[in-house]
Amino acid sequence: MVSRIIPVEAFDLIIFGGTGDLARRKILPALFKRFCAGQMPSPSRVIGVARGDLGDAGYRDEVRAALKEHLDVPGDDSAISAFLQQIHYVRVDVLGEDGWQELADMLEPGRIRAFYLSVGPSLFGDIARRLQAAGLADSESRIVVEKPFGHDLDSARALNRELAGYFDEGQIYRIDHYLGKETVQNLMAVRFGNMLFEPLWNAQYVDHIQITVAETVGVGGRGAYYDRAGAMRDMMQNHLMQLLCLIAMEPPAKFDPDAVRDEKLKVIRALEPVQPHHIIRGQYTAADGVKSYREDVGNDRSKTESFIAIKTHVSNWRWAGTPFYLRTGKRLKARDSQITVVFKDAPHSIFGPDSGRHNNELTIQLQPDEGITLDVTIKEPGPGGMRLIDVPLDMSFAEALGPEADAPDAYERLIMDVIRGNQTLFMRNDEVEAAWAWTDPIIKGWEARGDVPKPYDSFTNGPDDASLLIRRDGREWRSIGQ
């Protein structure tokens, strides 16, 4: 199977925060891989913007170092050297007047311009205003903003208003890199491209749905930010919410940005309020030579969660009565992101009570090894009666599609979608606000109650109470790292 490269028009991509961690780890490597794939036309340019006095040569040295650190590139450097010819740098004071005219002089008139704001949200409005004042924002411009998009509903609304003052909604790309993962996009293909699944995708046939995003790392160098945000704001309100929407949404009329996002919005607005006993929060403790959460963030009285598990429901005809279990956390036993759709038992077993209970499970593995598994029930080989076992029908993308189907990094897909002007995989302003409207009461509730996160050992499944959350319903979490 040969992957197909869809060309894009020549563009200027301007990265504010071009020397920052996200640019070095994700944005620049993604652009280099698109360059190597022939998807970055030679007139296109990547322009780094920061406060340092680097110049083109200095910035190119930094980009070279970042690519070698984060990618497996050929030793002869020829591809990197060719890529660097399209890299430029401008020193800009984003809160002052210096550098804006130099940036304006560098940009090509009539060319697609994408302004990537790889900076803190507090700078979004200032940069948008100065782009407009400098005459840099035209009808072909796009502006890309990273999460966190707000800290609560009020701040998200304020950010939306601020950006809307300078850019149309059709020019604003709120990026959630989870939506750029190949397997996440395959969710829609599996659901809406196969007659096998869609008739069963409802409360009549689905027992429950689990969404897990587990990390082995701690908060690292993000301690100051994370202790203000926590797992609820950092992961649940955006990443897991988007996965839930794609699993639960109705079929859109067509594969069109607003049609897809309209259906996702309906799911968020149909989410029931979460009851206090359906919320489990945890904090990792020290183990195996790693610090505890409180040591990592430098706050020995922190009540911020590094783990959260929630049971919720979508109140509509398709999903009435079907629970959705969501969990995410740091310092867990494995790096593992998966969605599992657990179907109900057959209404009547002809094999008797000794055959046991068997469920069909469809698992979409997002990371580390992208693929889809369907567990089906078969007879265990051998004589002596009808004994049933569950076996997986396993499709690893790498094995099924071959080396040419190596899944691109999410940022590769999303950046190219920005250039194409395709907003399907980006959040709309009303989506963001609806997600915060559901999230805020949950956070305010535990703050009012004075809830303290449950401690859990690092490199485990999280707090024991998370297992009890689902076990009370006669169910079990799918094992992390399975």
Protein backbone atom coordinates (compact mmCIF):
# COMPACT_ATOMS: atom_id res chain seq x y z
CA MET A 1 0.00 0.00 0.00
CA VAL A 2 1.39 3.38 -0.99
CA SER A 3 0.47 6.43 1.09
CA ARG A 4 -0.77 9.41 -0.90
CA ILE A 5 0.74 12.85 -0.39
CA ILE A 6 -1.75 15.66 -0.96
CA PRO A 7 0.12 18.83 -1.99
CA VAL A 8 -0.55 22.17 -0.35
CA GLU A 9 -0.04 25.69 -1.59
CA ALA A 10 3.09 27.63 -0.73
CA PHE A 11 2.79 29.15 2.75
CA ASP A 12 4.51 31.16 5.45
CA LEU A 13 4.26 29.56 8.91
CA ILE A 14 5.21 32.00 11.66
CA ILE A 15 5.92 30.34 15.02
CA PHE A 16 5.64 32.68 18.00
CA GLY A 17 7.68 30.96 20.69
CA GLY A 18 9.87 29.49 17.97
CA THR A 19 12.67 28.63 20.42
CA GLY A 20 10.35 27.07 23.01
CA ASP A 21 9.94 23.46 24.05
CA LEU A 22 6.84 22.71 21.96
CA ALA A 23 8.42 24.13 18.81
CA ARG A 24 11.58 22.07 19.36
CA ARG A 25 9.85 18.80 20.28
CA LYS A 26 6.81 18.80 18.02
CA ILE A 27 6.27 21.64 15.54
CA LEU A 28 9.67 21.78 13.85
CA PRO A 29 10.13 17.96 13.66
CA ALA A 30 6.63 17.68 12.15
CA LEU A 31 7.45 20.28 9.51
CA PHE A 32 10.73 18.56 8.69
CA LYS A 33 8.96 15.23 8.14
CA ARG A 34 6.41 16.91 5.86
CA PHE A 35 9.33 18.51 4.00
CA CYS A 36 10.94 15.09 3.54
CA ALA A 37 7.62 13.70 2.30
CA GLY A 38 7.49 16.37 -0.41
CA GLN A 39 4.55 18.21 1.12
CA MET A 40 6.24 21.53 1.78
CA PRO A 41 6.65 23.45 -1.51
CA SER A 42 10.06 25.07 -1.90
CA PRO A 43 8.80 28.70 -1.76
CA SER A 44 7.27 27.98 1.66
CA ARG A 45 9.00 29.34 4.74
CA VAL A 46 9.02 28.68 8.46
CA ILE A 47 9.71 31.85 10.41
CA GLY A 48 10.64 31.54 14.06
CA VAL A 49 9.71 34.46 16.29
CA ALA A 50 11.16 34.96 19.78
CA ARG A 51 12.90 37.56 21.94
CA GLY A 52 16.48 36.35 21.50
CA ASP A 53 18.90 38.01 19.08
CA LEU A 54 19.65 34.92 16.97
CA GLY A 55 19.34 35.83 13.30
CA ASP A 56 18.74 33.22 10.60
CA ALA A 57 22.06 31.45 11.15
CA GLY A 58 21.67 31.16 14.91
CA TYR A 59 18.10 29.94 14.65
CA ARG A 60 19.02 27.38 12.00
CA ASP A 61 21.64 25.99 14.36
CA GLU A 62 18.96 25.63 17.05
CA VAL A 63 16.58 23.94 14.62
CA ARG A 64 19.30 21.52 13.49
CA ALA A 65 20.01 20.59 17.11
CA ALA A 66 16.29 20.11 17.84
CA LEU A 67 15.80 17.80 14.84
CA LYS A 68 18.80 15.69 15.79
CA GLU A 69 17.57 15.46 19.38
CA HIS A 70 13.99 14.50 18.61
CA LEU A 71 14.20 12.61 15.30
CA ASP A 72 16.17 9.74 13.83
CA VAL A 73 17.71 11.57 10.88
CA PRO A 74 20.42 10.49 8.41
CA GLY A 75 23.97 11.06 9.54
CA ASP A 76 24.95 13.04 6.42
CA ASP A 77 22.60 15.90 7.32
CA SER A 78 21.70 16.57 3.68
CA ALA A 79 17.94 16.56 4.26
CA ILE A 80 18.27 18.85 7.28
CA SER A 81 20.52 21.23 5.34
CA ALA A 82 17.93 21.48 2.55
CA PHE A 83 15.13 22.05 5.08
CA LEU A 84 17.08 24.78 6.87
CA GLN A 85 17.13 26.88 3.71
CA GLN A 86 13.42 27.46 4.30
CA ILE A 87 13.93 28.47 7.96
CA HIS A 88 14.14 32.14 8.98
CA TYR A 89 14.06 34.12 12.19
CA VAL A 90 12.75 37.49 13.38
CA ARG A 91 13.29 38.99 16.81
CA VAL A 92 9.95 40.42 18.01
CA ASP A 93 8.85 41.91 21.29
CA VAL A 94 5.27 40.62 21.41
CA LEU A 95 4.33 43.13 24.13
CA GLY A 96 6.14 46.06 22.53
CA GLU A 97 6.77 47.63 19.14
CA ASP A 98 10.12 46.09 18.21
CA GLY A 99 10.27 43.64 15.32
CA TRP A 100 6.74 43.90 13.93
CA GLN A 101 7.74 45.91 10.88
CA GLU A 102 10.62 43.52 10.17
CA LEU A 103 8.17 40.62 10.29
CA ALA A 104 5.75 42.44 7.99
CA ASP A 105 8.54 43.14 5.48
CA MET A 106 9.47 39.46 5.39
CA LEU A 107 6.02 38.07 4.56
CA GLU A 108 5.00 37.46 0.96
CA PRO A 109 1.80 39.24 -0.12
CA GLY A 110 -0.99 36.96 -1.32
CA ARG A 111 0.48 33.85 0.29
CA ILE A 112 -1.22 31.73 2.96
CA ARG A 113 -0.07 32.87 6.40
CA ALA A 114 -0.39 30.72 9.49
CA PHE A 115 0.50 32.29 12.84
CA TYR A 116 1.23 29.52 15.34
CA LEU A 117 0.99 30.86 18.91
CA SER A 118 3.24 28.43 20.77
CA VAL A 119 3.11 30.70 23.82
CA GLY A 120 1.09 31.04 27.02
CA PRO A 121 -2.63 31.90 26.70
CA SER A 122 -2.05 35.24 28.41
CA LEU A 123 -0.30 36.40 25.21
CA PHE A 124 -2.94 35.24 22.70
CA GLY A 125 -4.92 38.49 22.73
CA ASP A 126 -1.88 40.77 22.64
CA ILE A 127 -0.36 38.96 19.68
CA ALA A 128 -3.67 38.85 17.78
CA ARG A 129 -4.13 42.60 18.34
CA ARG A 130 -0.63 43.46 17.15
CA LEU A 131 -0.93 41.20 14.10
CA GLN A 132 -4.03 43.15 13.13
CA ALA A 133 -2.44 46.54 13.89
CA ALA A 134 0.65 45.67 11.81
CA GLY A 135 -1.55 44.72 8.85
CA LEU A 136 -0.40 41.09 8.95
CA ALA A 137 -3.82 39.48 9.36
CA ASP A 138 -5.55 39.25 5.99
CA SER A 139 -8.32 37.01 4.63
CA GLU A 140 -5.80 34.22 3.92
CA SER A 141 -4.39 34.25 7.44
CA ARG A 142 -4.94 31.57 10.06
CA ILE A 143 -4.10 31.73 13.76
CA VAL A 144 -3.30 28.54 15.70
CA VAL A 145 -3.61 28.44 19.51
CA GLU A 146 -2.56 25.67 21.87
CA LYS A 147 -4.26 24.52 25.03
CA PRO A 148 -4.93 25.42 27.77
CA PHE A 149 -7.70 27.47 26.19
CA GLY A 150 -8.90 29.11 29.34
CA HIS A 151 -8.87 28.03 32.97
CA ASP A 152 -12.65 27.98 33.35
CA LEU A 153 -15.77 29.04 31.45
CA ASP A 154 -15.33 32.77 32.10
CA SER A 155 -11.71 32.84 30.96
CA ALA A 156 -12.49 30.73 27.87
CA ARG A 157 -15.26 33.12 26.90
CA ALA A 158 -12.92 36.07 27.39
CA LEU A 159 -10.27 34.46 25.17
CA ASN A 160 -12.86 33.69 22.50
CA ARG A 161 -14.08 37.28 22.54
CA GLU A 162 -10.53 38.59 22.36
CA LEU A 163 -9.56 36.47 19.35
CA ALA A 164 -12.89 37.15 17.64
CA GLY A 165 -12.07 40.85 17.78
CA TYR A 166 -9.25 40.34 15.28
CA PHE A 167 -9.96 37.06 13.43
CA ASP A 168 -13.09 35.39 12.07
CA GLU A 169 -14.01 32.05 13.65
CA GLY A 170 -13.11 30.37 10.35
CA GLN A 171 -9.52 31.60 10.78
CA ILE A 172 -9.03 30.37 14.36
CA TYR A 173 -7.57 26.87 14.88
CA ARG A 174 -7.71 25.63 18.49
CA ILE A 175 -5.41 22.65 18.38
CA ASP A 176 -5.88 19.41 20.32
CA HIS A 177 -3.15 17.07 19.15
CA TYR A 178 -5.15 13.98 20.16
CA LEU A 179 -7.51 14.64 17.26
CA GLY A 180 -4.58 14.41 14.85
CA LYS A 181 -3.74 10.84 15.82
CA GLU A 182 -4.35 8.37 13.02
CA THR A 183 -6.35 6.00 15.21
CA VAL A 184 -8.61 8.78 16.49
CA GLN A 185 -9.50 9.64 12.92
CA ASN A 186 -10.03 5.94 12.27
CA LEU A 187 -12.75 6.04 14.90
CA MET A 188 -14.93 7.84 12.40
CA ALA A 189 -13.94 5.47 9.60
CA VAL A 190 -14.72 2.40 11.71
CA ARG A 191 -18.05 3.79 12.89
CA PHE A 192 -19.41 5.40 9.77
CA GLY A 193 -17.67 3.37 7.07
CA ASN A 194 -18.70 -0.12 8.23
CA MET A 195 -22.25 -1.42 8.32
CA LEU A 196 -21.02 -4.00 10.82
CA PHE A 197 -20.69 -1.52 13.72
CA GLU A 198 -23.07 1.41 13.31
CA PRO A 199 -26.33 -0.58 13.85
CA LEU A 200 -24.87 -1.85 17.17
CA TRP A 201 -23.49 1.52 18.32
CA ASN A 202 -26.18 2.36 20.87
CA ALA A 203 -27.52 1.59 24.33
CA GLN A 204 -29.42 -1.48 23.15
CA TYR A 205 -26.19 -3.33 22.38
CA VAL A 206 -23.39 -1.48 24.23
CA ASP A 207 -22.97 -2.27 27.93
CA HIS A 208 -20.50 0.53 28.66
CA ILE A 209 -17.57 2.49 27.23
CA GLN A 210 -14.15 3.08 28.81
CA ILE A 211 -11.66 5.79 27.86
CA THR A 212 -8.19 5.64 29.42
CA VAL A 213 -5.23 7.96 28.92
CA ALA A 214 -2.39 6.81 31.17
CA GLU A 215 1.11 8.25 31.47
CA THR A 216 4.18 6.95 33.27
CA VAL A 217 5.77 10.39 33.57
CA GLY A 218 5.16 12.83 36.39
CA VAL A 219 4.54 16.54 36.03
CA GLY A 220 8.19 17.15 35.16
CA GLY A 221 9.08 20.79 34.57
CA ARG A 222 5.40 21.77 34.36
CA GLY A 223 4.87 21.75 38.12
CA ALA A 224 3.86 25.40 38.49
CA TYR A 225 1.30 25.17 35.67
CA TYR A 226 0.06 21.71 36.58
CA ASP A 227 -0.61 22.50 40.22
CA ARG A 228 -3.00 25.25 39.06
CA ALA A 229 -4.65 23.02 36.46
CA GLY A 230 -4.66 19.37 37.55
CA ALA A 231 -5.72 16.35 35.52
CA MET A 232 -9.29 17.61 35.13
CA ARG A 233 -8.33 20.82 33.37
CA ASP A 234 -5.17 19.52 31.70
CA MET A 235 -6.59 16.30 30.20
CA MET A 236 -10.22 15.50 30.98
CA GLN A 237 -11.76 18.79 29.81
CA ASN A 238 -10.12 18.61 26.39
CA HIS A 239 -8.39 15.39 25.29
CA LEU A 240 -10.76 12.87 26.87
CA MET A 241 -13.78 15.06 26.14
CA GLN A 242 -12.91 15.04 22.43
CA LEU A 243 -12.50 11.25 22.41
CA LEU A 244 -15.87 10.87 24.12
CA CYS A 245 -17.46 13.10 21.49
CA LEU A 246 -16.11 11.05 18.58
CA ILE A 247 -17.30 7.81 20.19
CA ALA A 248 -20.77 9.08 21.11
CA MET A 249 -21.71 11.53 18.36
CA GLU A 250 -24.42 10.99 15.75
CA PRO A 251 -23.38 10.48 12.11
CA PRO A 252 -22.86 13.92 10.57
CA ALA A 253 -24.64 14.63 7.29
CA LYS A 254 -21.24 14.82 5.58
CA PHE A 255 -17.56 14.85 6.46
CA ASP A 256 -17.45 18.60 6.74
CA PRO A 257 -15.83 20.69 9.52
CA ASP A 258 -18.99 22.29 10.85
CA ALA A 259 -21.15 19.18 10.36
CA VAL A 260 -18.72 17.12 12.45
CA ARG A 261 -18.35 19.80 15.12
CA ASP A 262 -22.11 20.33 15.33
CA GLU A 263 -22.52 16.67 16.31
CA LYS A 264 -19.69 16.81 18.83
CA LEU A 265 -21.27 19.86 20.42
CA LYS A 266 -24.56 18.00 20.85
CA VAL A 267 -22.75 15.28 22.82
CA ILE A 268 -21.12 17.77 25.20
CA ARG A 269 -24.44 19.51 25.81
CA ALA A 270 -26.10 16.13 26.49
CA LEU A 271 -23.59 15.14 29.20
CA GLU A 272 -25.25 14.71 32.57
CA PRO A 273 -23.84 16.49 35.63
CA VAL A 274 -21.43 14.20 37.46
CA GLN A 275 -22.40 13.12 40.97
CA PRO A 276 -19.73 13.48 43.71
CA HIS A 277 -19.58 9.70 44.32
CA HIS A 278 -18.80 9.22 40.61
CA ILE A 279 -15.57 11.25 40.83
CA ILE A 280 -12.27 9.77 42.03
CA ARG A 281 -9.21 11.99 42.35
CA GLY A 282 -5.70 10.87 43.20
CA GLN A 283 -2.13 12.05 43.74
CA TYR A 284 0.95 9.92 43.10
CA THR A 285 3.36 9.19 45.92
CA ALA A 286 7.13 8.63 45.87
CA ALA A 287 8.38 5.24 44.67
CA ASP A 288 11.31 3.58 42.90
CA GLY A 289 13.53 6.63 43.06
CA VAL A 290 10.91 9.15 41.83
CA LYS A 291 9.50 12.03 43.84
CA SER A 292 5.92 12.36 44.98
CA TYR A 293 3.53 14.76 43.24
CA ARG A 294 3.80 17.26 46.09
CA GLU A 295 7.60 17.17 45.90
CA ASP A 296 7.47 17.62 42.11
CA VAL A 297 5.29 20.73 42.34
CA GLY A 298 6.98 22.11 45.48
CA ASN A 299 3.74 22.30 47.47
CA ASP A 300 3.46 19.92 50.41
CA ARG A 301 -0.21 20.83 50.97
CA SER A 302 -1.37 20.59 47.36
CA LYS A 303 -4.93 19.36 46.79
CA THR A 304 -4.48 19.15 43.02
CA GLU A 305 -5.16 15.82 41.35
CA SER A 306 -2.65 13.99 39.14
CA PHE A 307 -5.29 11.29 38.49
CA ILE A 308 -9.01 11.48 37.89
CA ALA A 309 -11.67 8.89 37.07
CA ILE A 310 -15.26 9.80 36.28
CA LYS A 311 -18.49 7.99 35.49
CA THR A 312 -20.88 9.95 33.32
CA HIS A 313 -23.84 9.50 30.96
CA VAL A 314 -24.93 11.03 27.66
CA SER A 315 -28.63 11.85 27.97
CA ASN A 316 -29.99 11.19 24.51
CA TRP A 317 -31.87 8.42 22.74
CA ARG A 318 -28.76 6.65 21.49
CA TRP A 319 -26.98 6.37 24.84
CA ALA A 320 -29.66 6.55 27.56
CA GLY A 321 -28.55 4.30 30.44
CA THR A 322 -25.09 3.49 29.03
CA PRO A 323 -22.30 4.59 31.39
CA PHE A 324 -19.08 6.15 30.14
CA TYR A 325 -16.05 5.62 32.38
CA LEU A 326 -13.16 8.04 31.84
CA ARG A 327 -9.79 8.02 33.60
CA THR A 328 -6.44 9.71 33.14
CA GLY A 329 -3.39 10.08 35.31
CA LYS A 330 0.34 10.49 35.66
CA ARG A 331 2.86 8.04 37.12
CA LEU A 332 0.70 5.06 36.18
CA LYS A 333 2.00 1.59 35.34
CA ALA A 334 2.26 2.07 31.56
CA ARG A 335 1.90 4.67 28.82
CA ASP A 336 -1.41 3.66 27.37
CA SER A 337 -4.26 5.47 25.61
CA GLN A 338 -7.24 3.37 24.62
CA ILE A 339 -10.98 3.41 24.07
CA THR A 340 -12.93 0.23 24.74
CA VAL A 341 -16.51 -0.35 23.65
CA VAL A 342 -17.90 -3.28 25.69
CA PHE A 343 -20.93 -4.89 24.09
CA LYS A 344 -23.65 -6.62 26.07
CA ASP A 345 -23.91 -10.37 26.58
CA ALA A 346 -26.01 -12.38 24.20
CA PRO A 347 -29.61 -12.28 25.50
CA HIS A 348 -29.62 -16.04 26.01
CA SER A 349 -26.74 -18.50 26.28
CA ILE A 350 -27.40 -21.94 24.79
CA PHE A 351 -24.19 -23.23 26.37
CA GLY A 352 -25.31 -23.28 30.01
CA PRO A 353 -23.95 -21.63 33.16
CA ASP A 354 -20.56 -23.36 32.94
CA SER A 355 -19.68 -21.49 29.77
CA GLY A 356 -19.13 -18.29 31.78
CA ARG A 357 -19.77 -14.69 30.87
CA HIS A 358 -18.36 -13.38 27.62
CA ASN A 359 -18.42 -9.90 26.10
CA ASN A 360 -17.40 -8.69 22.71
CA GLU A 361 -15.03 -5.76 23.17
CA LEU A 362 -13.83 -3.34 20.53
CA THR A 363 -10.62 -1.61 21.65
CA ILE A 364 -9.12 1.30 19.78
CA GLN A 365 -5.49 1.66 20.84
CA LEU A 366 -4.24 5.23 20.44
CA GLN A 367 -0.76 4.79 21.88
CA PRO A 368 1.83 3.42 22.08
CA ASP A 369 1.01 0.92 19.29
CA GLU A 370 -1.87 2.22 17.22
CA GLY A 371 -4.40 -0.39 16.20
CA ILE A 372 -7.83 -1.88 16.67
CA THR A 373 -8.74 -5.14 18.43
CA LEU A 374 -12.11 -6.91 18.48
CA ASP A 375 -12.53 -9.64 21.12
CA VAL A 376 -14.84 -12.44 19.98
CA THR A 377 -16.00 -15.61 21.73
CA ILE A 378 -14.99 -19.01 20.33
CA LYS A 379 -14.83 -22.60 21.52
CA GLU A 380 -11.67 -23.50 23.37
CA PRO A 381 -9.87 -26.22 21.36
CA GLY A 382 -9.91 -29.73 22.77
CA PRO A 383 -12.31 -32.49 23.78
CA GLY A 384 -14.56 -32.60 26.81
CA GLY A 385 -17.47 -30.27 26.22
CA MET A 386 -18.17 -26.77 25.02
CA ARG A 387 -15.80 -24.43 26.80
CA LEU A 388 -15.81 -20.83 25.57
CA ILE A 389 -12.91 -18.39 25.49
CA ASP A 390 -12.43 -14.85 24.19
CA VAL A 391 -9.77 -14.25 21.54
CA PRO A 392 -8.77 -11.02 19.80
CA LEU A 393 -9.06 -10.23 16.12
CA ASP A 394 -6.08 -7.91 16.12
CA MET A 395 -5.22 -5.27 13.54
CA SER A 396 -1.98 -3.49 14.20
CA PHE A 397 -1.68 -0.72 11.63
CA ALA A 398 2.03 -1.35 11.17
CA GLU A 399 1.47 -5.06 10.46
CA ALA A 400 -1.73 -4.77 8.43
CA LEU A 401 -0.74 -1.86 6.22
CA GLY A 402 3.02 -2.33 5.99
CA PRO A 403 5.94 0.03 6.60
CA GLU A 404 4.67 2.60 4.10
CA ALA A 405 1.69 3.21 6.39
CA ASP A 406 3.85 4.48 9.24
CA ALA A 407 1.42 6.80 11.00
CA PRO A 408 2.50 10.43 10.87
CA ASP A 409 2.77 12.39 14.08
CA ALA A 410 -0.45 14.21 14.98
CA TYR A 411 1.20 17.61 14.49
CA GLU A 412 2.13 16.71 10.90
CA ARG A 413 -1.51 16.17 10.00
CA LEU A 414 -2.85 19.13 11.96
CA ILE A 415 -0.36 21.69 10.64
CA MET A 416 -1.08 20.63 7.06
CA ASP A 417 -4.83 20.91 7.79
CA VAL A 418 -4.24 24.48 8.96
CA ILE A 419 -2.55 25.29 5.65
CA ARG A 420 -5.41 23.66 3.72
CA GLY A 421 -7.96 25.60 5.74
CA ASN A 422 -9.62 22.40 7.02
CA GLN A 423 -11.02 22.87 10.56
CA THR A 424 -12.57 19.40 10.99
CA LEU A 425 -10.07 18.33 13.65
CA PHE A 426 -10.01 21.65 15.52
CA MET A 427 -12.32 22.83 18.31
CA ARG A 428 -14.87 25.53 17.65
CA ASN A 429 -15.55 28.33 20.13
CA ASP A 430 -18.92 26.93 21.24
CA GLU A 431 -17.37 23.47 21.77
CA VAL A 432 -14.74 24.91 24.10
CA GLU A 433 -17.30 26.85 26.10
CA ALA A 434 -19.69 23.88 26.35
CA ALA A 435 -16.86 21.69 27.67
CA TRP A 436 -16.03 24.24 30.36
CA ALA A 437 -19.72 24.62 31.23
CA TRP A 438 -19.76 20.87 32.05
CA THR A 439 -16.37 20.91 33.79
CA ASP A 440 -16.72 23.98 36.04
CA PRO A 441 -19.44 22.59 38.37
CA ILE A 442 -17.40 19.43 38.92
CA ILE A 443 -14.33 21.41 40.02
CA LYS A 444 -16.35 23.89 42.09
CA GLY A 445 -18.09 20.97 43.79
CA TRP A 446 -14.94 19.31 45.12
CA GLU A 447 -13.46 22.67 46.07
CA ALA A 448 -16.60 23.49 48.09
CA ARG A 449 -16.50 20.07 49.78
CA GLY A 450 -12.79 20.40 50.55
CA ASP A 451 -12.06 17.03 48.90
CA VAL A 452 -8.46 15.82 49.09
CA PRO A 453 -7.07 13.52 46.35
CA LYS A 454 -6.43 9.91 47.36
CA PRO A 455 -2.75 8.96 47.45
CA TYR A 456 -1.68 6.18 45.07
CA ASP A 457 1.61 4.39 44.54
CA SER A 458 3.57 5.48 41.49
CA PHE A 459 3.59 3.02 38.56
CA THR A 460 0.29 1.38 39.53
CA ASN A 461 -3.28 1.63 38.20
CA GLY A 462 -4.06 4.67 40.35
CA PRO A 463 -6.03 4.87 43.60
CA ASP A 464 -7.99 1.80 44.72
CA ASP A 465 -11.18 3.85 44.77
CA ALA A 466 -11.02 4.11 40.96
CA SER A 467 -11.40 0.33 40.76
CA LEU A 468 -14.32 0.48 43.17
CA LEU A 469 -16.00 3.14 41.00
CA ILE A 470 -16.51 0.67 38.18
CA ARG A 471 -16.61 -2.51 40.26
CA ARG A 472 -19.72 -1.28 42.10
CA ASP A 473 -21.49 -1.63 38.75
CA GLY A 474 -20.26 -5.19 38.26
CA ARG A 475 -17.62 -4.15 35.73
CA GLU A 476 -13.83 -3.99 35.55
CA TRP A 477 -11.40 -1.55 34.01
CA ARG A 478 -9.47 -2.90 31.08
CA SER A 479 -5.91 -3.38 32.30
CA ILE A 480 -3.51 -0.50 31.64
CA GLY A 481 -0.81 -1.65 29.26
CA GLN A 482 -2.76 -4.74 28.20
